[in-house]
Protein backbone atom coordinates (compact mmCIF):
# COMPACT_ATOMS: atom_id res chain seq x y z
CA MET A 1 -119.40 -68.74 -24.35
CA GLU A 2 -122.00 -66.44 -23.67
CA LEU A 3 -122.91 -64.04 -20.84
CA HIS A 4 -126.01 -62.48 -19.78
CA CYS A 5 -126.09 -58.79 -19.41
CA VAL A 6 -128.28 -55.93 -18.02
CA ILE A 7 -127.90 -52.39 -18.57
CA ILE A 8 -128.66 -49.70 -15.90
CA ASP A 9 -128.13 -45.70 -16.48
CA ASP A 10 -130.66 -43.12 -15.82
CA GLU A 11 -129.75 -41.53 -19.12
CA PRO A 12 -131.64 -42.69 -22.39
CA LEU A 13 -129.33 -41.96 -24.92
CA ALA A 14 -126.53 -43.91 -22.69
CA LEU A 15 -129.13 -47.37 -22.29
CA ASP A 16 -129.69 -47.04 -25.87
CA LEU A 17 -126.11 -46.65 -26.96
CA LEU A 18 -125.39 -49.59 -24.64
CA GLU A 19 -128.24 -51.83 -26.11
CA SER A 20 -127.04 -51.18 -29.95
CA TYR A 21 -123.06 -52.17 -29.06
CA ILE A 22 -124.68 -55.84 -27.23
CA GLN A 23 -126.77 -56.57 -29.60
CA LYS A 24 -124.03 -56.62 -32.10
CA THR A 25 -121.67 -58.41 -30.00
CA PRO A 26 -122.31 -62.61 -30.56
CA PHE A 27 -121.26 -63.44 -26.93
CA LEU A 28 -123.88 -61.20 -25.15
CA ILE A 29 -127.17 -61.61 -24.46
CA GLN A 30 -129.62 -58.63 -22.91
CA GLU A 31 -131.67 -59.59 -20.27
CA GLY A 32 -133.36 -56.08 -19.58
CA LYS A 33 -132.27 -52.43 -19.53
CA TYR A 34 -133.29 -50.01 -16.49
CA SER A 35 -133.55 -46.60 -15.66
CA SER A 36 -132.46 -46.72 -12.10
CA ALA A 37 -131.19 -49.06 -9.61
CA VAL A 38 -134.34 -49.82 -7.28
CA GLU A 39 -136.24 -50.64 -10.36
CA ALA A 40 -133.59 -53.07 -11.28
CA LEU A 41 -133.02 -54.45 -7.71
CA SER A 42 -136.88 -55.67 -7.48
CA LYS A 43 -137.17 -56.98 -11.16
CA VAL A 44 -133.99 -58.60 -12.07
CA ASP A 45 -133.59 -62.84 -11.50
CA TRP A 46 -129.65 -61.67 -10.12
CA ASN A 47 -128.74 -65.42 -10.28
CA GLN A 48 -129.21 -65.36 -14.35
CA ILE A 49 -126.94 -62.78 -14.85
CA ASP A 50 -123.08 -62.25 -15.76
CA ILE A 51 -122.17 -58.95 -16.17
CA ILE A 52 -124.07 -55.25 -15.50
CA PHE A 53 -123.06 -52.43 -17.37
CA LEU A 54 -123.91 -49.86 -14.34
CA ASP A 55 -123.89 -45.79 -14.21
CA ILE A 56 -122.12 -44.86 -10.97
CA GLN A 57 -124.15 -41.26 -10.60
CA MET A 58 -128.01 -42.70 -10.28
CA PRO A 59 -130.48 -40.56 -8.02
CA ASP A 60 -132.30 -42.72 -5.10
CA LEU A 61 -129.23 -45.82 -5.35
CA ASN A 62 -126.61 -44.89 -7.01
CA GLY A 63 -124.01 -47.64 -8.68
CA LEU A 64 -121.33 -47.87 -6.26
CA GLU A 65 -124.09 -48.60 -3.26
CA PHE A 66 -125.93 -50.68 -5.76
CA SER A 67 -122.80 -52.99 -6.26
CA ARG A 68 -122.32 -54.31 -2.32
CA MET A 69 -125.73 -55.25 -3.10
CA LEU A 70 -125.03 -57.71 -5.64
CA PRO A 71 -124.28 -61.30 -5.69
CA ASN A 72 -120.46 -62.25 -5.75
CA ARG A 73 -121.01 -64.11 -8.96
CA VAL A 74 -122.38 -60.96 -11.07
CA ARG A 75 -119.79 -58.92 -12.27
CA ILE A 76 -119.57 -55.29 -12.95
CA ILE A 77 -118.20 -52.87 -15.94
CA PHE A 78 -118.98 -49.13 -14.42
CA THR A 79 -120.21 -46.80 -17.36
CA THR A 80 -119.16 -42.89 -15.77
CA ALA A 81 -118.73 -39.98 -17.05
CA PHE A 82 -116.42 -38.86 -13.99
CA GLN A 83 -113.00 -40.02 -14.37
CA GLN A 84 -112.57 -39.89 -10.89
CA TYR A 85 -114.95 -42.10 -10.09
CA ALA A 86 -112.48 -45.50 -11.91
CA LEU A 87 -110.77 -46.27 -9.00
CA ASP A 88 -113.60 -45.96 -6.63
CA GLY A 89 -114.77 -48.83 -9.46
CA PHE A 90 -111.86 -50.93 -8.94
CA ARG A 91 -112.59 -50.63 -5.09
CA ALA A 92 -116.17 -52.13 -5.82
CA ASN A 93 -115.21 -55.18 -7.58
CA ALA A 94 -115.57 -54.05 -11.07
CA LEU A 95 -113.74 -55.80 -13.88
CA ASP A 96 -113.42 -52.64 -15.98
CA TYR A 97 -115.10 -48.90 -16.17
CA LEU A 98 -116.16 -47.44 -19.23
CA LEU A 99 -115.68 -43.67 -19.44
CA LYS A 100 -118.30 -41.26 -21.57
CA PRO A 101 -118.17 -40.90 -24.18
CA PHE A 102 -116.91 -44.49 -25.05
CA SER A 103 -116.75 -46.05 -28.66
CA TYR A 104 -117.43 -49.58 -29.56
CA THR A 105 -113.74 -50.50 -29.78
CA ASP A 106 -113.65 -49.22 -26.05
CA PHE A 107 -116.84 -51.08 -25.01
CA MET A 108 -115.26 -54.58 -26.67
CA GLU A 109 -112.11 -54.40 -25.09
CA ALA A 110 -114.16 -54.71 -21.84
CA VAL A 111 -116.57 -57.14 -22.41
CA LYS A 112 -113.58 -59.26 -23.97
CA LYS A 113 -112.07 -58.85 -20.21
CA ALA A 114 -115.17 -60.02 -18.74
CA LEU A 115 -115.52 -62.87 -21.22
CA GLU A 116 -111.66 -64.05 -20.50
CA TRP A 117 -112.74 -63.39 -16.29
CA PHE A 118 -115.80 -66.04 -17.23
CA GLN A 119 -113.48 -68.27 -19.05
CA MET A 120 -111.17 -68.57 -16.22
CA LYS A 121 -113.48 -69.35 -13.64
CA ASN A 122 -115.17 -72.12 -15.38
CA SER A 123 -112.13 -73.39 -16.13
CA GLY A 124 -111.67 -74.78 -12.82
CA PRO A 125 -108.64 -73.64 -10.41
CA GLU A 126 -105.78 -75.39 -12.00
CA LYS A 127 -105.85 -73.39 -15.05
CA GLU A 128 -102.16 -71.50 -15.93
CA ALA A 129 -102.40 -68.22 -15.99
CA THR A 130 -102.52 -65.68 -18.78
CA ASP A 131 -101.53 -62.34 -19.44
CA ASN A 132 -104.75 -60.84 -19.01
CA ASP A 133 -105.47 -62.49 -15.53
CA PHE A 134 -105.31 -59.99 -13.08
CA ILE A 135 -106.20 -57.27 -10.68
CA TYR A 136 -105.55 -53.41 -10.24
CA VAL A 137 -105.20 -52.09 -6.85
CA LYS A 138 -104.58 -48.47 -5.91
CA SER A 139 -101.52 -47.76 -3.81
CA ASP A 140 -99.36 -44.53 -3.22
CA TYR A 141 -102.04 -42.75 -5.58
CA LYS A 142 -101.49 -44.91 -8.44
CA LEU A 143 -103.27 -47.86 -9.95
CA ILE A 144 -101.06 -51.22 -10.00
CA GLN A 145 -101.52 -53.89 -12.16
CA ILE A 146 -101.01 -57.13 -9.94
CA ALA A 147 -100.78 -60.74 -12.33
CA LEU A 148 -103.02 -63.48 -10.07
CA LYS A 149 -99.89 -65.88 -11.18
CA ASP A 150 -97.58 -63.59 -9.12
CA ILE A 151 -99.44 -63.45 -5.77
CA LEU A 152 -98.03 -65.71 -2.37
CA TYR A 153 -100.30 -64.65 -0.12
CA ILE A 154 -102.47 -61.46 1.46
CA GLU A 155 -101.94 -60.11 4.59
CA GLY A 156 -105.31 -58.32 6.41
CA LEU A 157 -104.09 -55.20 8.88
CA LYS A 158 -107.69 -53.25 9.71
CA ASP A 159 -108.14 -50.91 6.68
CA TYR A 160 -105.33 -51.93 4.60
CA LEU A 161 -104.26 -54.62 2.59
CA LYS A 162 -100.50 -56.12 2.18
CA ILE A 163 -100.20 -58.36 -0.70
CA TYR A 164 -96.88 -60.20 -1.17
CA LEU A 165 -95.66 -61.38 -4.44
CA GLU A 166 -93.14 -64.02 -5.63
CA ASN A 167 -89.59 -62.74 -6.32
CA GLU A 168 -90.65 -59.49 -4.61
CA ALA A 169 -88.81 -58.08 -1.68
CA ARG A 170 -91.68 -55.84 -0.45
CA PRO A 171 -95.30 -56.34 -0.28
CA ILE A 172 -97.83 -53.99 -2.05
CA ILE A 173 -99.91 -52.05 0.27
CA THR A 174 -103.39 -51.01 -0.44
CA LEU A 175 -106.89 -49.49 0.97
CA ALA A 176 -109.13 -52.39 0.81
CA SER A 177 -110.95 -55.20 2.98
CA MET A 178 -110.39 -58.60 2.88
CA LYS A 179 -114.25 -59.62 2.00
CA SER A 180 -113.57 -57.07 -0.73
CA MET A 181 -110.29 -58.55 -1.71
CA GLU A 182 -111.84 -62.57 -1.24
CA GLU A 183 -115.08 -61.81 -3.70
CA ARG A 184 -112.38 -60.30 -6.40
CA LEU A 185 -110.20 -63.23 -6.67
CA PRO A 186 -110.96 -66.66 -8.28
CA SER A 187 -112.03 -69.49 -5.59
CA PRO A 188 -110.74 -72.15 -4.91
CA ARG A 189 -107.34 -70.91 -6.29
CA PHE A 190 -107.26 -68.26 -3.64
CA MET A 191 -108.55 -69.44 -0.38
CA ARG A 192 -109.08 -67.69 3.22
CA VAL A 193 -107.20 -69.54 5.84
CA HIS A 194 -107.33 -67.16 8.43
CA ARG A 195 -109.24 -64.15 9.35
CA SER A 196 -106.02 -62.04 8.43
CA TYR A 197 -104.85 -64.00 5.47
CA ILE A 198 -105.75 -65.18 1.87
CA VAL A 199 -103.28 -67.74 0.19
CA GLN A 200 -102.90 -68.57 -3.28
CA THR A 201 -103.50 -72.45 -3.01
CA VAL A 202 -101.05 -73.79 -5.61
CA LYS A 203 -98.34 -71.76 -4.11
CA VAL A 204 -98.71 -73.95 -0.93
CA LYS A 205 -95.64 -76.12 -0.82
CA THR A 206 -95.43 -76.93 2.89
CA LEU A 207 -97.91 -77.15 5.84
CA GLU A 208 -96.52 -78.04 9.17
CA ARG A 209 -98.36 -78.84 12.09
CA GLY A 210 -101.07 -76.77 10.65
CA VAL A 211 -99.13 -74.24 9.59
CA ILE A 212 -98.51 -73.15 6.16
CA VAL A 213 -95.06 -72.03 5.39
CA PHE A 214 -93.55 -69.48 2.93
CA GLY A 215 -89.69 -69.27 3.43
CA LYS A 216 -89.52 -67.24 6.71
CA THR A 217 -92.96 -66.52 7.12
CA ARG A 218 -95.30 -69.05 9.00
CA ILE A 219 -99.17 -68.40 8.57
CA PRO A 220 -101.63 -69.52 11.14
CA VAL A 221 -105.05 -71.89 9.82
CA SER A 222 -108.22 -71.21 12.15
CA GLU A 223 -110.17 -73.68 12.43
CA SER A 224 -113.15 -72.24 10.73
CA TYR A 225 -111.54 -72.61 7.58
CA LYS A 226 -109.53 -75.43 8.06
CA SER A 227 -111.40 -78.01 6.36
CA ALA A 228 -111.43 -76.44 3.07
CA LEU A 229 -107.67 -76.32 2.61
CA MET A 230 -107.70 -79.60 4.23
CA ASN A 231 -110.18 -81.06 1.36
CA PHE A 232 -107.94 -79.42 -1.06
CA LEU A 233 -104.66 -80.72 -0.36
CA ASN A 234 -106.29 -84.05 0.45
CA GLU A 235 -107.63 -84.17 -3.42
CA HIS A 236 -103.91 -83.16 -4.66
CA THR A 237 -102.53 -85.35 -2.01
CA VAL A 238 -100.86 -88.99 -3.64
């Protein structure tokens, strides 16, 4: 599998280093390098790009701001000289971040994670989860790794999310929006069924009168999301 990528960094040395790393990585194809996000925004065909190596601190338009303008399919690996930006990077739907100065080994760890993500996405919703099938969320001033296979459903509450896991009595609470979480999770494996709920479709065992039942919890299905859920269920009904 090949991944098409671009580099955006206002430091010439960082651009050259990343370009050299990409050139010796067989499954990466570089489609351009840019010294500003503004320049890249107008010149890149984003439908052809899989990964961006994106600096966070840049003039005019910084990496975090720029990341919010990108199509959902484009994955981001942030590059930064400041560790405090790492948490912001994960909240901005990044696959990983590279802390400058970084080695080729660090770079390979990040791009292998990207490769695994795209392989999982392209293999379909019924692919079994692997040990690398996870997301990070910030909770109680910590980064917590959550295996996707363990997620039952996610509940939105104003600016917070409650992530309910199998065999866990209490949910993990994180500061994030439903939209950002929906974009991070592979579809249709995870599906929005209500403005306040995302469910893992393979975990839906009972649907009773338009309500998803998880033990004692009953999750309503909104009319605007009902057809997508029913189409998924009908495809797996005998």
